[in-house]
Amino acid sequence: MPDAFSIILDEIAEDVYKRLGKRSNASVKLIPFNPTILGYVKANDYTIYLNSIPFGLVKNDPIKSREYLYVVLLHEYLHLVGIADEREVRKITTEIIAQKFGKTSYAYSLAEKLTDPIDLHLMNKGIRPSMYM
């Protein structure tokens, strides 16, 4: 039986493929590290390293934990499909989250906090900010 990480990662892979036409192999490893970092990927490695410390704050809430995982894993997955620019990844993450979960969701609230304030302002006015790379 697949674990929650694999199920959400498969869903993300489908959503990203539908939007960008890109896929990547990926796996998730849950480990503790600096709690100000939610997750990361390494060059030439298809593992998403998910921080167990901040995840521990939401893991017992089924809705928040699913949405948290979706936001963090989506962000890192976008790096794996070749988007290096952090600002662009945050912008795309927020757009996908708004469409999938709605602007009143916990997921959107989290994604919004990670998005550049200027990009967020433009997006809220219906303007799509330019790519930066």
Protein backbone atom coordinates (compact mmCIF):
# COMPACT_ATOMS: atom_id res chain seq x y z
CA MET A 1 0.00 0.00 0.00
CA PRO A 2 1.47 3.39 -0.97
CA ASP A 3 2.25 5.85 1.82
CA ALA A 4 0.77 9.36 2.04
CA PHE A 5 3.92 10.91 0.57
CA SER A 6 3.75 8.72 -2.55
CA ILE A 7 0.04 9.34 -3.05
CA ILE A 8 0.46 13.12 -2.83
CA LEU A 9 3.59 13.05 -4.97
CA ASP A 10 1.73 11.10 -7.69
CA GLU A 11 -1.06 13.69 -7.57
CA ILE A 12 1.48 16.51 -7.85
CA ALA A 13 3.21 14.81 -10.78
CA GLU A 14 -0.12 14.64 -12.64
CA ASP A 15 -1.04 18.23 -11.83
CA VAL A 16 2.36 19.55 -12.93
CA TYR A 17 2.26 17.47 -16.12
CA LYS A 18 -1.18 18.87 -16.99
CA ARG A 19 0.02 22.44 -16.42
CA LEU A 20 3.63 22.39 -17.66
CA GLY A 21 3.96 19.17 -19.67
CA LYS A 22 6.93 18.10 -17.51
CA ARG A 23 7.55 15.09 -15.27
CA SER A 24 10.29 13.92 -12.97
CA ASN A 25 10.94 10.83 -10.92
CA ALA A 26 10.90 11.73 -7.26
CA SER A 27 10.87 10.22 -3.81
CA VAL A 28 10.46 11.74 -0.37
CA LYS A 29 12.70 11.38 2.65
CA LEU A 30 11.48 12.74 6.01
CA ILE A 31 14.37 14.00 8.14
CA PRO A 32 14.92 16.70 10.78
CA PHE A 33 17.01 19.75 9.88
CA ASN A 34 16.91 23.54 10.33
CA PRO A 35 13.21 24.20 11.10
CA THR A 36 13.20 27.43 9.07
CA ILE A 37 13.57 25.29 5.92
CA LEU A 38 10.52 23.21 4.99
CA GLY A 39 12.18 21.08 2.33
CA TYR A 40 14.92 20.98 -0.26
CA VAL A 41 16.33 19.05 -3.21
CA LYS A 42 19.94 18.44 -4.19
CA ALA A 43 21.41 18.72 -7.69
CA ASN A 44 21.38 15.42 -9.59
CA ASP A 45 19.24 13.76 -6.89
CA TYR A 46 15.54 13.02 -7.26
CA THR A 47 14.84 12.94 -3.54
CA ILE A 48 12.75 15.62 -1.88
CA TYR A 49 14.03 16.09 1.67
CA LEU A 50 11.06 17.04 3.83
CA ASN A 51 11.74 18.57 7.24
CA SER A 52 10.12 16.46 9.96
CA ILE A 53 10.21 19.30 12.52
CA PRO A 54 7.69 21.75 10.96
CA PHE A 55 5.72 18.83 9.48
CA GLY A 56 5.34 17.50 13.02
CA LEU A 57 3.25 20.56 13.89
CA VAL A 58 0.50 19.59 11.40
CA LYS A 59 0.87 15.82 10.97
CA ASN A 60 -2.01 14.94 13.31
CA ASP A 61 -4.51 17.11 11.44
CA PRO A 62 -5.57 15.21 8.29
CA ILE A 63 -6.57 18.29 6.29
CA LYS A 64 -3.65 20.50 7.26
CA SER A 65 -1.10 17.71 6.88
CA ARG A 66 -2.31 16.83 3.37
CA GLU A 67 -2.33 20.47 2.27
CA TYR A 68 1.03 21.16 3.92
CA LEU A 69 2.57 18.18 2.15
CA TYR A 70 1.05 19.23 -1.15
CA VAL A 71 2.49 22.77 -0.91
CA VAL A 72 6.00 21.77 0.17
CA LEU A 73 6.30 18.77 -2.15
CA LEU A 74 4.89 20.73 -5.10
CA HIS A 75 7.44 23.48 -4.53
CA GLU A 76 10.35 21.04 -4.47
CA TYR A 77 8.94 18.99 -7.36
CA LEU A 78 8.91 22.13 -9.53
CA HIS A 79 12.65 22.41 -8.92
CA LEU A 80 13.05 18.78 -10.00
CA VAL A 81 11.29 19.41 -13.32
CA GLY A 82 13.85 22.10 -14.09
CA ILE A 83 12.65 25.40 -12.64
CA ALA A 84 15.64 26.73 -10.72
CA ASP A 85 14.42 30.25 -9.98
CA GLU A 86 13.02 30.32 -6.44
CA ARG A 87 10.72 33.26 -7.07
CA GLU A 88 9.23 31.60 -10.14
CA VAL A 89 8.69 28.32 -8.25
CA ARG A 90 6.89 30.16 -5.46
CA LYS A 91 4.69 31.99 -7.94
CA ILE A 92 3.73 28.79 -9.82
CA THR A 93 3.13 27.00 -6.52
CA THR A 94 0.72 29.71 -5.40
CA GLU A 95 -1.13 29.63 -8.73
CA ILE A 96 -1.56 25.85 -8.68
CA ILE A 97 -2.60 25.88 -5.02
CA ALA A 98 -5.20 28.64 -5.62
CA GLN A 99 -6.71 26.64 -8.47
CA LYS A 100 -6.65 23.28 -6.66
CA PHE A 101 -7.55 24.21 -3.08
CA GLY A 102 -9.04 27.71 -3.33
CA LYS A 103 -7.92 30.97 -1.78
CA THR A 104 -9.53 30.24 1.60
CA SER A 105 -7.60 27.00 2.19
CA TYR A 106 -4.76 26.32 4.59
CA ALA A 107 -2.67 25.36 1.55
CA TYR A 108 -3.18 28.76 -0.06
CA SER A 109 -2.40 30.53 3.22
CA LEU A 110 0.91 28.65 3.43
CA ALA A 111 1.78 29.19 -0.25
CA GLU A 112 0.90 32.88 0.04
CA LYS A 113 3.33 33.32 2.96
CA LEU A 114 6.11 31.89 0.79
CA THR A 115 5.39 34.04 -2.28
CA ASP A 116 7.22 37.28 -3.05
CA PRO A 117 4.97 40.14 -1.86
CA ILE A 118 5.25 42.03 -5.17
CA ASP A 119 4.25 38.94 -7.16
CA LEU A 120 1.36 38.32 -4.78
CA HIS A 121 0.13 41.89 -5.16
CA LEU A 122 0.21 41.61 -8.97
CA MET A 123 -1.45 38.18 -8.92
CA ASN A 124 -4.25 39.50 -6.70
CA LYS A 125 -4.85 42.23 -9.29
CA GLY A 126 -5.12 39.59 -12.02
CA ILE A 127 -1.68 40.34 -13.47
CA ARG A 128 0.71 37.46 -14.06
CA PRO A 129 4.21 38.61 -13.09
CA SER A 130 6.96 37.97 -15.63
CA MET A 131 9.39 35.07 -15.32
CA TYR A 132 12.69 36.05 -13.81
CA MET A 133 14.98 33.49 -15.45
